[in-house]
Amino acid sequence: VPVNTVWTRLYHARKEFFALAAKYRLKHRKML
């Protein structure tokens, strides 16, 4: 794929990763 596609995928993957991690932490904190 073009290198710009890689950077776009990385941008969205990071954004999703941090959002999912925050959601997991919040859920885990509420359980405790």
PDB file of all heavy atoms in Angstrom:
ATOM      1  N   VAL A   1       0.857  -1.184   0.000  1.00  0.00           N
ATOM      2  CA  VAL A   1       0.000   0.000   0.000  1.00  0.00           C
ATOM      3  C   VAL A   1       0.894   1.235   0.000  1.00  0.00           C
ATOM      4  O   VAL A   1       2.070   1.152   0.378  1.00  0.00           O
ATOM      5  CB  VAL A   1      -0.939   0.035   1.234  1.00  0.00           C
ATOM      6  CG1 VAL A   1      -1.903  -1.137   1.224  1.00  0.00           C
ATOM      7  CG2 VAL A   1      -0.167   0.090   2.535  1.00  0.00           C
ATOM      8  N   PRO A   2       0.352   2.393  -0.385  1.00  0.00           N
ATOM      9  CA  PRO A   2       1.148   3.622  -0.300  1.00  0.00           C
ATOM     10  C   PRO A   2       1.488   3.946   1.156  1.00  0.00           C
ATOM     11  O   PRO A   2       0.724   3.622   2.073  1.00  0.00           O
ATOM     12  CB  PRO A   2       0.224   4.694  -0.885  1.00  0.00           C
ATOM     13  CG  PRO A   2      -0.822   3.959  -1.643  1.00  0.00           C
ATOM     14  CD  PRO A   2      -0.956   2.616  -1.007  1.00  0.00           C
ATOM     15  N   VAL A   3       2.621   4.596   1.375  1.00  0.00           N
ATOM     16  CA  VAL A   3       3.054   4.910   2.728  1.00  0.00           C
ATOM     17  C   VAL A   3       2.050   5.838   3.423  1.00  0.00           C
ATOM     18  O   VAL A   3       1.862   5.745   4.638  1.00  0.00           O
ATOM     19  CB  VAL A   3       4.495   5.485   2.737  1.00  0.00           C
ATOM     20  CG1 VAL A   3       4.540   6.925   2.257  1.00  0.00           C
ATOM     21  CG2 VAL A   3       5.112   5.354   4.115  1.00  0.00           C
ATOM     22  N   ASN A   4       1.372   6.692   2.674  1.00  0.00           N
ATOM     23  CA  ASN A   4       0.358   7.553   3.287  1.00  0.00           C
ATOM     24  C   ASN A   4      -0.803   6.736   3.848  1.00  0.00           C
ATOM     25  O   ASN A   4      -1.410   7.117   4.850  1.00  0.00           O
ATOM     26  CB  ASN A   4      -0.151   8.596   2.296  1.00  0.00           C
ATOM     27  CG  ASN A   4       0.879   9.684   2.057  1.00  0.00           C
ATOM     28  OD1 ASN A   4       1.765   9.902   2.868  1.00  0.00           O
ATOM     29  ND2 ASN A   4       0.763  10.364   0.935  1.00  0.00           N
ATOM     30  N   THR A   5      -1.108   5.627   3.213  1.00  0.00           N
ATOM     31  CA  THR A   5      -2.155   4.733   3.728  1.00  0.00           C
ATOM     32  C   THR A   5      -1.727   4.152   5.071  1.00  0.00           C
ATOM     33  O   THR A   5      -2.540   4.032   5.992  1.00  0.00           O
ATOM     34  CB  THR A   5      -2.443   3.607   2.718  1.00  0.00           C
ATOM     35  OG1 THR A   5      -2.862   4.187   1.484  1.00  0.00           O
ATOM     36  CG2 THR A   5      -3.506   2.656   3.229  1.00  0.00           C
ATOM     37  N   VAL A   6      -0.447   3.809   5.184  1.00  0.00           N
ATOM     38  CA  VAL A   6       0.077   3.285   6.451  1.00  0.00           C
ATOM     39  C   VAL A   6      -0.091   4.325   7.550  1.00  0.00           C
ATOM     40  O   VAL A   6      -0.571   4.019   8.642  1.00  0.00           O
ATOM     41  CB  VAL A   6       1.563   2.887   6.318  1.00  0.00           C
ATOM     42  CG1 VAL A   6       2.161   2.552   7.682  1.00  0.00           C
ATOM     43  CG2 VAL A   6       1.724   1.723   5.366  1.00  0.00           C
ATOM     44  N   TRP A   7       0.278   5.584   7.263  1.00  0.00           N
ATOM     45  CA  TRP A   7       0.172   6.635   8.288  1.00  0.00           C
ATOM     46  C   TRP A   7      -1.291   6.880   8.667  1.00  0.00           C
ATOM     47  O   TRP A   7      -1.588   7.109   9.840  1.00  0.00           O
ATOM     48  CB  TRP A   7       0.826   7.930   7.811  1.00  0.00           C
ATOM     49  CG  TRP A   7       2.303   7.784   7.583  1.00  0.00           C
ATOM     50  CD1 TRP A   7       2.996   8.150   6.470  1.00  0.00           C
ATOM     51  CD2 TRP A   7       3.279   7.218   8.477  1.00  0.00           C
ATOM     52  NE1 TRP A   7       4.322   7.850   6.613  1.00  0.00           N
ATOM     53  CE2 TRP A   7       4.530   7.280   7.831  1.00  0.00           C
ATOM     54  CE3 TRP A   7       3.214   6.663   9.749  1.00  0.00           C
ATOM     55  CZ2 TRP A   7       5.702   6.814   8.427  1.00  0.00           C
ATOM     56  CZ3 TRP A   7       4.385   6.199  10.333  1.00  0.00           C
ATOM     57  CH2 TRP A   7       5.608   6.280   9.672  1.00  0.00           C
ATOM     58  N   THR A   8      -2.183   6.799   7.689  1.00  0.00           N
ATOM     59  CA  THR A   8      -3.606   6.973   7.989  1.00  0.00           C
ATOM     60  C   THR A   8      -4.101   5.843   8.878  1.00  0.00           C
ATOM     61  O   THR A   8      -4.818   6.064   9.862  1.00  0.00           O
ATOM     62  CB  THR A   8      -4.425   7.029   6.684  1.00  0.00           C
ATOM     63  OG1 THR A   8      -3.960   8.115   5.896  1.00  0.00           O
ATOM     64  CG2 THR A   8      -5.900   7.191   6.956  1.00  0.00           C
ATOM     65  N   ARG A   9      -3.715   4.615   8.543  1.00  0.00           N
ATOM     66  CA  ARG A   9      -4.113   3.468   9.364  1.00  0.00           C
ATOM     67  C   ARG A   9      -3.558   3.584  10.780  1.00  0.00           C
ATOM     68  O   ARG A   9      -4.250   3.288  11.759  1.00  0.00           O
ATOM     69  CB  ARG A   9      -3.632   2.167   8.716  1.00  0.00           C
ATOM     70  CG  ARG A   9      -4.395   1.804   7.465  1.00  0.00           C
ATOM     71  CD  ARG A   9      -3.813   0.577   6.805  1.00  0.00           C
ATOM     72  NE  ARG A   9      -4.581   0.218   5.629  1.00  0.00           N
ATOM     73  CZ  ARG A   9      -4.267  -0.772   4.811  1.00  0.00           C
ATOM     74  NH1 ARG A   9      -3.200  -1.522   5.058  1.00  0.00           N
ATOM     75  NH2 ARG A   9      -5.010  -1.042   3.758  1.00  0.00           N
ATOM     76  N   LEU A  10      -2.301   4.015  10.892  1.00  0.00           N
ATOM     77  CA  LEU A  10      -1.700   4.187  12.212  1.00  0.00           C
ATOM     78  C   LEU A  10      -2.425   5.254  13.021  1.00  0.00           C
ATOM     79  O   LEU A  10      -2.673   5.073  14.218  1.00  0.00           O
ATOM     80  CB  LEU A  10      -0.224   4.565  12.084  1.00  0.00           C
ATOM     81  CG  LEU A  10       0.743   3.422  11.875  1.00  0.00           C
ATOM     82  CD1 LEU A  10       2.129   3.950  11.537  1.00  0.00           C
ATOM     83  CD2 LEU A  10       0.812   2.539  13.106  1.00  0.00           C
ATOM     84  N   TYR A  11      -2.758   6.352  12.374  1.00  0.00           N
ATOM     85  CA  TYR A  11      -3.475   7.435  13.059  1.00  0.00           C
ATOM     86  C   TYR A  11      -4.786   6.915  13.646  1.00  0.00           C
ATOM     87  O   TYR A  11      -5.083   7.112  14.819  1.00  0.00           O
ATOM     88  CB  TYR A  11      -3.735   8.582  12.087  1.00  0.00           C
ATOM     89  CG  TYR A  11      -4.675   9.626  12.634  1.00  0.00           C
ATOM     90  CD1 TYR A  11      -4.221  10.590  13.524  1.00  0.00           C
ATOM     91  CD2 TYR A  11      -6.021   9.624  12.284  1.00  0.00           C
ATOM     92  CE1 TYR A  11      -5.086  11.540  14.049  1.00  0.00           C
ATOM     93  CE2 TYR A  11      -6.899  10.561  12.802  1.00  0.00           C
ATOM     94  CZ  TYR A  11      -6.420  11.523  13.685  1.00  0.00           C
ATOM     95  OH  TYR A  11      -7.285  12.454  14.199  1.00  0.00           O
ATOM     96  N   HIS A  12      -5.572   6.237  12.804  1.00  0.00           N
ATOM     97  CA  HIS A  12      -6.872   5.728  13.261  1.00  0.00           C
ATOM     98  C   HIS A  12      -6.711   4.601  14.281  1.00  0.00           C
ATOM     99  O   HIS A  12      -7.488   4.510  15.239  1.00  0.00           O
ATOM    100  CB  HIS A  12      -7.718   5.265  12.078  1.00  0.00           C
ATOM    101  CG  HIS A  12      -8.184   6.393  11.214  1.00  0.00           C
ATOM    102  ND1 HIS A  12      -9.078   7.339  11.655  1.00  0.00           N
ATOM    103  CD2 HIS A  12      -7.855   6.744   9.950  1.00  0.00           C
ATOM    104  CE1 HIS A  12      -9.293   8.221  10.705  1.00  0.00           C
ATOM    105  NE2 HIS A  12      -8.564   7.882   9.658  1.00  0.00           N
ATOM    106  N   ALA A  13      -5.701   3.750  14.087  1.00  0.00           N
ATOM    107  CA  ALA A  13      -5.478   2.647  15.035  1.00  0.00           C
ATOM    108  C   ALA A  13      -5.099   3.193  16.409  1.00  0.00           C
ATOM    109  O   ALA A  13      -5.601   2.712  17.426  1.00  0.00           O
ATOM    110  CB  ALA A  13      -4.389   1.722  14.516  1.00  0.00           C
ATOM    111  N   ARG A  14      -4.234   4.195  16.443  1.00  0.00           N
ATOM    112  CA  ARG A  14      -3.853   4.795  17.730  1.00  0.00           C
ATOM    113  C   ARG A  14      -5.064   5.416  18.416  1.00  0.00           C
ATOM    114  O   ARG A  14      -5.256   5.243  19.627  1.00  0.00           O
ATOM    115  CB  ARG A  14      -2.784   5.866  17.518  1.00  0.00           C
ATOM    116  CG  ARG A  14      -1.419   5.321  17.226  1.00  0.00           C
ATOM    117  CD  ARG A  14      -0.445   6.449  16.991  1.00  0.00           C
ATOM    118  NE  ARG A  14       0.875   5.952  16.708  1.00  0.00           N
ATOM    119  CZ  ARG A  14       1.691   6.508  15.826  1.00  0.00           C
ATOM    120  NH1 ARG A  14       1.326   7.583  15.162  1.00  0.00           N
ATOM    121  NH2 ARG A  14       2.886   5.996  15.626  1.00  0.00           N
ATOM    122  N   LYS A  15      -5.836   6.136  17.636  1.00  0.00           N
ATOM    123  CA  LYS A  15      -7.022   6.793  18.180  1.00  0.00           C
ATOM    124  C   LYS A  15      -7.979   5.742  18.773  1.00  0.00           C
ATOM    125  O   LYS A  15      -8.467   5.894  19.893  1.00  0.00           O
ATOM    126  CB  LYS A  15      -7.705   7.578  17.059  1.00  0.00           C
ATOM    127  CG  LYS A  15      -8.758   8.525  17.493  1.00  0.00           C
ATOM    128  CD  LYS A  15      -9.229   9.344  16.293  1.00  0.00           C
ATOM    129  CE  LYS A  15     -10.375  10.245  16.682  1.00  0.00           C
ATOM    130  NZ  LYS A  15     -10.827  11.067  15.568  1.00  0.00           N
ATOM    131  N   GLU A  16      -8.233   4.680  18.012  1.00  0.00           N
ATOM    132  CA  GLU A  16      -9.101   3.603  18.493  1.00  0.00           C
ATOM    133  C   GLU A  16      -8.506   2.918  19.721  1.00  0.00           C
ATOM    134  O   GLU A  16      -9.216   2.620  20.678  1.00  0.00           O
ATOM    135  CB  GLU A  16      -9.309   2.551  17.396  1.00  0.00           C
ATOM    136  CG  GLU A  16     -10.288   2.930  16.328  1.00  0.00           C
ATOM    137  CD  GLU A  16     -10.460   1.793  15.332  1.00  0.00           C
ATOM    138  OE1 GLU A  16     -10.984   0.731  15.732  1.00  0.00           O
ATOM    139  OE2 GLU A  16     -10.053   1.965  14.176  1.00  0.00           O
ATOM    140  N   PHE A  17      -7.193   2.646  19.656  1.00  0.00           N
ATOM    141  CA  PHE A  17      -6.537   1.944  20.755  1.00  0.00           C
ATOM    142  C   PHE A  17      -6.689   2.718  22.058  1.00  0.00           C
ATOM    143  O   PHE A  17      -7.071   2.156  23.088  1.00  0.00           O
ATOM    144  CB  PHE A  17      -5.053   1.711  20.441  1.00  0.00           C
ATOM    145  CG  PHE A  17      -4.325   0.981  21.525  1.00  0.00           C
ATOM    146  CD1 PHE A  17      -4.392  -0.395  21.614  1.00  0.00           C
ATOM    147  CD2 PHE A  17      -3.593   1.678  22.479  1.00  0.00           C
ATOM    148  CE1 PHE A  17      -3.734  -1.083  22.633  1.00  0.00           C
ATOM    149  CE2 PHE A  17      -2.930   1.013  23.495  1.00  0.00           C
ATOM    150  CZ  PHE A  17      -2.999  -0.368  23.567  1.00  0.00           C
ATOM    151  N   PHE A  18      -6.377   4.011  22.030  1.00  0.00           N
ATOM    152  CA  PHE A  18      -6.455   4.804  23.259  1.00  0.00           C
ATOM    153  C   PHE A  18      -7.897   4.964  23.738  1.00  0.00           C
ATOM    154  O   PHE A  18      -8.149   4.958  24.942  1.00  0.00           O
ATOM    155  CB  PHE A  18      -5.767   6.150  23.075  1.00  0.00           C
ATOM    156  CG  PHE A  18      -4.268   6.020  22.950  1.00  0.00           C
ATOM    157  CD1 PHE A  18      -3.605   6.473  21.826  1.00  0.00           C
ATOM    158  CD2 PHE A  18      -3.527   5.414  23.957  1.00  0.00           C
ATOM    159  CE1 PHE A  18      -2.231   6.334  21.709  1.00  0.00           C
ATOM    160  CE2 PHE A  18      -2.149   5.268  23.851  1.00  0.00           C
ATOM    161  CZ  PHE A  18      -1.495   5.734  22.716  1.00  0.00           C
ATOM    162  N   ALA A  19      -8.835   5.076  22.818  1.00  0.00           N
ATOM    163  CA  ALA A  19     -10.247   5.165  23.207  1.00  0.00           C
ATOM    164  C   ALA A  19     -10.700   3.858  23.857  1.00  0.00           C
ATOM    165  O   ALA A  19     -11.380   3.873  24.895  1.00  0.00           O
ATOM    166  CB  ALA A  19     -11.115   5.504  22.001  1.00  0.00           C
ATOM    167  N   LEU A  20     -10.324   2.727  23.255  1.00  0.00           N
ATOM    168  CA  LEU A  20     -10.698   1.425  23.812  1.00  0.00           C
ATOM    169  C   LEU A  20     -10.023   1.179  25.158  1.00  0.00           C
ATOM    170  O   LEU A  20     -10.629   0.625  26.077  1.00  0.00           O
ATOM    171  CB  LEU A  20     -10.350   0.306  22.824  1.00  0.00           C
ATOM    172  CG  LEU A  20     -11.210   0.242  21.566  1.00  0.00           C
ATOM    173  CD1 LEU A  20     -10.560  -0.658  20.521  1.00  0.00           C
ATOM    174  CD2 LEU A  20     -12.610  -0.251  21.896  1.00  0.00           C
ATOM    175  N   ALA A  21      -8.759   1.601  25.282  1.00  0.00           N
ATOM    176  CA  ALA A  21      -8.043   1.432  26.553  1.00  0.00           C
ATOM    177  C   ALA A  21      -8.694   2.270  27.649  1.00  0.00           C
ATOM    178  O   ALA A  21      -8.859   1.801  28.782  1.00  0.00           O
ATOM    179  CB  ALA A  21      -6.572   1.806  26.389  1.00  0.00           C
ATOM    180  N   ALA A  22      -9.085   3.501  27.314  1.00  0.00           N
ATOM    181  CA  ALA A  22      -9.751   4.368  28.292  1.00  0.00           C
ATOM    182  C   ALA A  22     -11.092   3.771  28.705  1.00  0.00           C
ATOM    183  O   ALA A  22     -11.453   3.773  29.891  1.00  0.00           O
ATOM    184  CB  ALA A  22      -9.939   5.761  27.710  1.00  0.00           C
ATOM    185  N   LYS A  23     -11.819   3.243  27.736  1.00  0.00           N
ATOM    186  CA  LYS A  23     -13.112   2.615  28.012  1.00  0.00           C
ATOM    187  C   LYS A  23     -12.925   1.397  28.925  1.00  0.00           C
ATOM    188  O   LYS A  23     -13.692   1.192  29.868  1.00  0.00           O
ATOM    189  CB  LYS A  23     -13.759   2.210  26.693  1.00  0.00           C
ATOM    190  CG  LYS A  23     -15.162   1.720  26.790  1.00  0.00           C
ATOM    191  CD  LYS A  23     -15.701   1.437  25.391  1.00  0.00           C
ATOM    192  CE  LYS A  23     -17.084   0.871  25.424  1.00  0.00           C
ATOM    193  NZ  LYS A  23     -17.596   0.579  24.076  1.00  0.00           N
ATOM    194  N   TYR A  24     -11.899   0.611  28.651  1.00  0.00           N
ATOM    195  CA  TYR A  24     -11.621  -0.561  29.486  1.00  0.00           C
ATOM    196  C   TYR A  24     -11.283  -0.140  30.908  1.00  0.00           C
ATOM    197  O   TYR A  24     -11.788  -0.719  31.870  1.00  0.00           O
ATOM    198  CB  TYR A  24     -10.472  -1.383  28.886  1.00  0.00           C
ATOM    199  CG  TYR A  24     -10.114  -2.548  29.761  1.00  0.00           C
ATOM    200  CD1 TYR A  24     -10.826  -3.737  29.699  1.00  0.00           C
ATOM    201  CD2 TYR A  24      -9.093  -2.435  30.706  1.00  0.00           C
ATOM    202  CE1 TYR A  24     -10.519  -4.794  30.533  1.00  0.00           C
ATOM    203  CE2 TYR A  24      -8.786  -3.488  31.548  1.00  0.00           C
ATOM    204  CZ  TYR A  24      -9.501  -4.664  31.453  1.00  0.00           C
ATOM    205  OH  TYR A  24      -9.204  -5.707  32.296  1.00  0.00           O
ATOM    206  N   ARG A  25     -10.403   0.868  31.063  1.00  0.00           N
ATOM    207  CA  ARG A  25     -10.027   1.342  32.398  1.00  0.00           C
ATOM    208  C   ARG A  25     -11.240   1.848  33.171  1.00  0.00           C
ATOM    209  O   ARG A  25     -11.395   1.562  34.355  1.00  0.00           O
ATOM    210  CB  ARG A  25      -8.971   2.445  32.293  1.00  0.00           C
ATOM    211  CG  ARG A  25      -7.571   1.924  32.109  1.00  0.00           C
ATOM    212  CD  ARG A  25      -6.533   2.998  32.338  1.00  0.00           C
ATOM    213  NE  ARG A  25      -6.667   4.116  31.427  1.00  0.00           N
ATOM    214  CZ  ARG A  25      -6.075   4.214  30.247  1.00  0.00           C
ATOM    215  NH1 ARG A  25      -5.306   3.232  29.836  1.00  0.00           N
ATOM    216  NH2 ARG A  25      -6.246   5.275  29.489  1.00  0.00           N
ATOM    217  N   LEU A  26     -12.113   2.599  32.492  1.00  0.00           N
ATOM    218  CA  LEU A  26     -13.306   3.131  33.135  1.00  0.00           C
ATOM    219  C   LEU A  26     -14.216   1.991  33.600  1.00  0.00           C
ATOM    220  O   LEU A  26     -14.695   1.985  34.734  1.00  0.00           O
ATOM    221  CB  LEU A  26     -14.059   4.062  32.181  1.00  0.00           C
ATOM    222  CG  LEU A  26     -15.317   4.715  32.729  1.00  0.00           C
ATOM    223  CD1 LEU A  26     -14.973   5.623  33.905  1.00  0.00           C
ATOM    224  CD2 LEU A  26     -16.004   5.510  31.627  1.00  0.00           C
ATOM    225  N   LYS A  27     -14.414   1.024  32.732  1.00  0.00           N
ATOM    226  CA  LYS A  27     -15.251  -0.130  33.078  1.00  0.00           C
ATOM    227  C   LYS A  27     -14.649  -0.905  34.245  1.00  0.00           C
ATOM    228  O   LYS A  27     -15.340  -1.297  35.174  1.00  0.00           O
ATOM    229  CB  LYS A  27     -15.388  -1.039  31.846  1.00  0.00           C
ATOM    230  CG  LYS A  27     -16.243  -2.258  32.069  1.00  0.00           C
ATOM    231  CD  LYS A  27     -16.313  -3.074  30.800  1.00  0.00           C
ATOM    232  CE  LYS A  27     -17.043  -4.373  31.022  1.00  0.00           C
ATOM    233  NZ  LYS A  27     -17.033  -5.211  29.837  1.00  0.00           N
ATOM    234  N   HIS A  28     -13.341  -1.105  34.183  1.00  0.00           N
ATOM    235  CA  HIS A  28     -12.647  -1.851  35.248  1.00  0.00           C
ATOM    236  C   HIS A  28     -12.713  -1.087  36.565  1.00  0.00           C
ATOM    237  O   HIS A  28     -12.921  -1.686  37.620  1.00  0.00           O
ATOM    238  CB  HIS A  28     -11.201  -2.102  34.828  1.00  0.00           C
ATOM    239  CG  HIS A  28     -10.446  -2.967  35.773  1.00  0.00           C
ATOM    240  ND1 HIS A  28     -10.737  -4.301  35.950  1.00  0.00           N
ATOM    241  CD2 HIS A  28      -9.428  -2.685  36.623  1.00  0.00           C
ATOM    242  CE1 HIS A  28      -9.929  -4.806  36.861  1.00  0.00           C
ATOM    243  NE2 HIS A  28      -9.120  -3.844  37.280  1.00  0.00           N
ATOM    244  N   ARG A  29     -12.574   0.223  36.525  1.00  0.00           N
ATOM    245  CA  ARG A  29     -12.626   1.043  37.741  1.00  0.00           C
ATOM    246  C   ARG A  29     -14.010   0.955  38.368  1.00  0.00           C
ATOM    247  O   ARG A  29     -14.147   0.852  39.578  1.00  0.00           O
ATOM    248  CB  ARG A  29     -12.283   2.492  37.395  1.00  0.00           C
ATOM    249  CG  ARG A  29     -11.992   3.336  38.613  1.00  0.00           C
ATOM    250  CD  ARG A  29     -11.538   4.740  38.255  1.00  0.00           C
ATOM    251  NE  ARG A  29     -10.352   4.724  37.428  1.00  0.00           N
ATOM    252  CZ  ARG A  29     -10.178   5.494  36.350  1.00  0.00           C
ATOM    253  NH1 ARG A  29     -11.108   6.336  35.977  1.00  0.00           N
ATOM    254  NH2 ARG A  29      -9.077   5.424  35.649  1.00  0.00           N
ATOM    255  N   LYS A  30     -15.065   0.998  37.538  1.00  0.00           N
ATOM    256  CA  LYS A  30     -16.425   0.907  38.054  1.00  0.00           C
ATOM    257  C   LYS A  30     -16.694  -0.444  38.710  1.00  0.00           C
ATOM    258  O   LYS A  30     -17.419  -0.545  39.689  1.00  0.00           O
ATOM    259  CB  LYS A  30     -17.450   1.142  36.935  1.00  0.00           C
ATOM    260  CG  LYS A  30     -17.555   2.591  36.537  1.00  0.00           C
ATOM    261  CD  LYS A  30     -18.607   2.762  35.485  1.00  0.00           C
ATOM    262  CE  LYS A  30     -18.716   4.227  35.088  1.00  0.00           C
ATOM    263  NZ  LYS A  30     -19.729   4.444  34.052  1.00  0.00           N
ATOM    264  N   MET A  31     -16.079  -1.492  38.152  1.00  0.00           N
ATOM    265  CA  MET A  31     -16.259  -2.825  38.721  1.00  0.00           C
ATOM    266  C   MET A  31     -15.615  -2.928  40.099  1.00  0.00           C
ATOM    267  O   MET A  31     -16.079  -3.683  40.955  1.00  0.00           O
ATOM    268  CB  MET A  31     -15.669  -3.892  37.791  1.00  0.00           C
ATOM    269  CG  MET A  31     -16.491  -4.102  36.535  1.00  0.00           C
ATOM    270  SD  MET A  31     -15.734  -5.210  35.324  1.00  0.00           S
ATOM    271  CE  MET A  31     -15.200  -6.568  36.283  1.00  0.00           C
ATOM    272  N   LEU A  32     -14.544  -2.179  40.324  1.00  0.00           N
ATOM    273  CA  LEU A  32     -13.829  -2.244  41.598  1.00  0.00           C
ATOM    274  C   LEU A  32     -14.465  -1.375  42.678  1.00  0.00           C
ATOM    275  O   LEU A  32     -14.182  -1.559  43.858  1.00  0.00           O
ATOM    276  CB  LEU A  32     -12.370  -1.830  41.412  1.00  0.00           C
ATOM    277  CG  LEU A  32     -11.512  -2.771  40.555  1.00  0.00           C
ATOM    278  CD1 LEU A  32     -10.125  -2.180  40.364  1.00  0.00           C
ATOM    279  CD2 LEU A  32     -11.429  -4.151  41.189  1.00  0.00           C
TER     280      LEU A  32
END
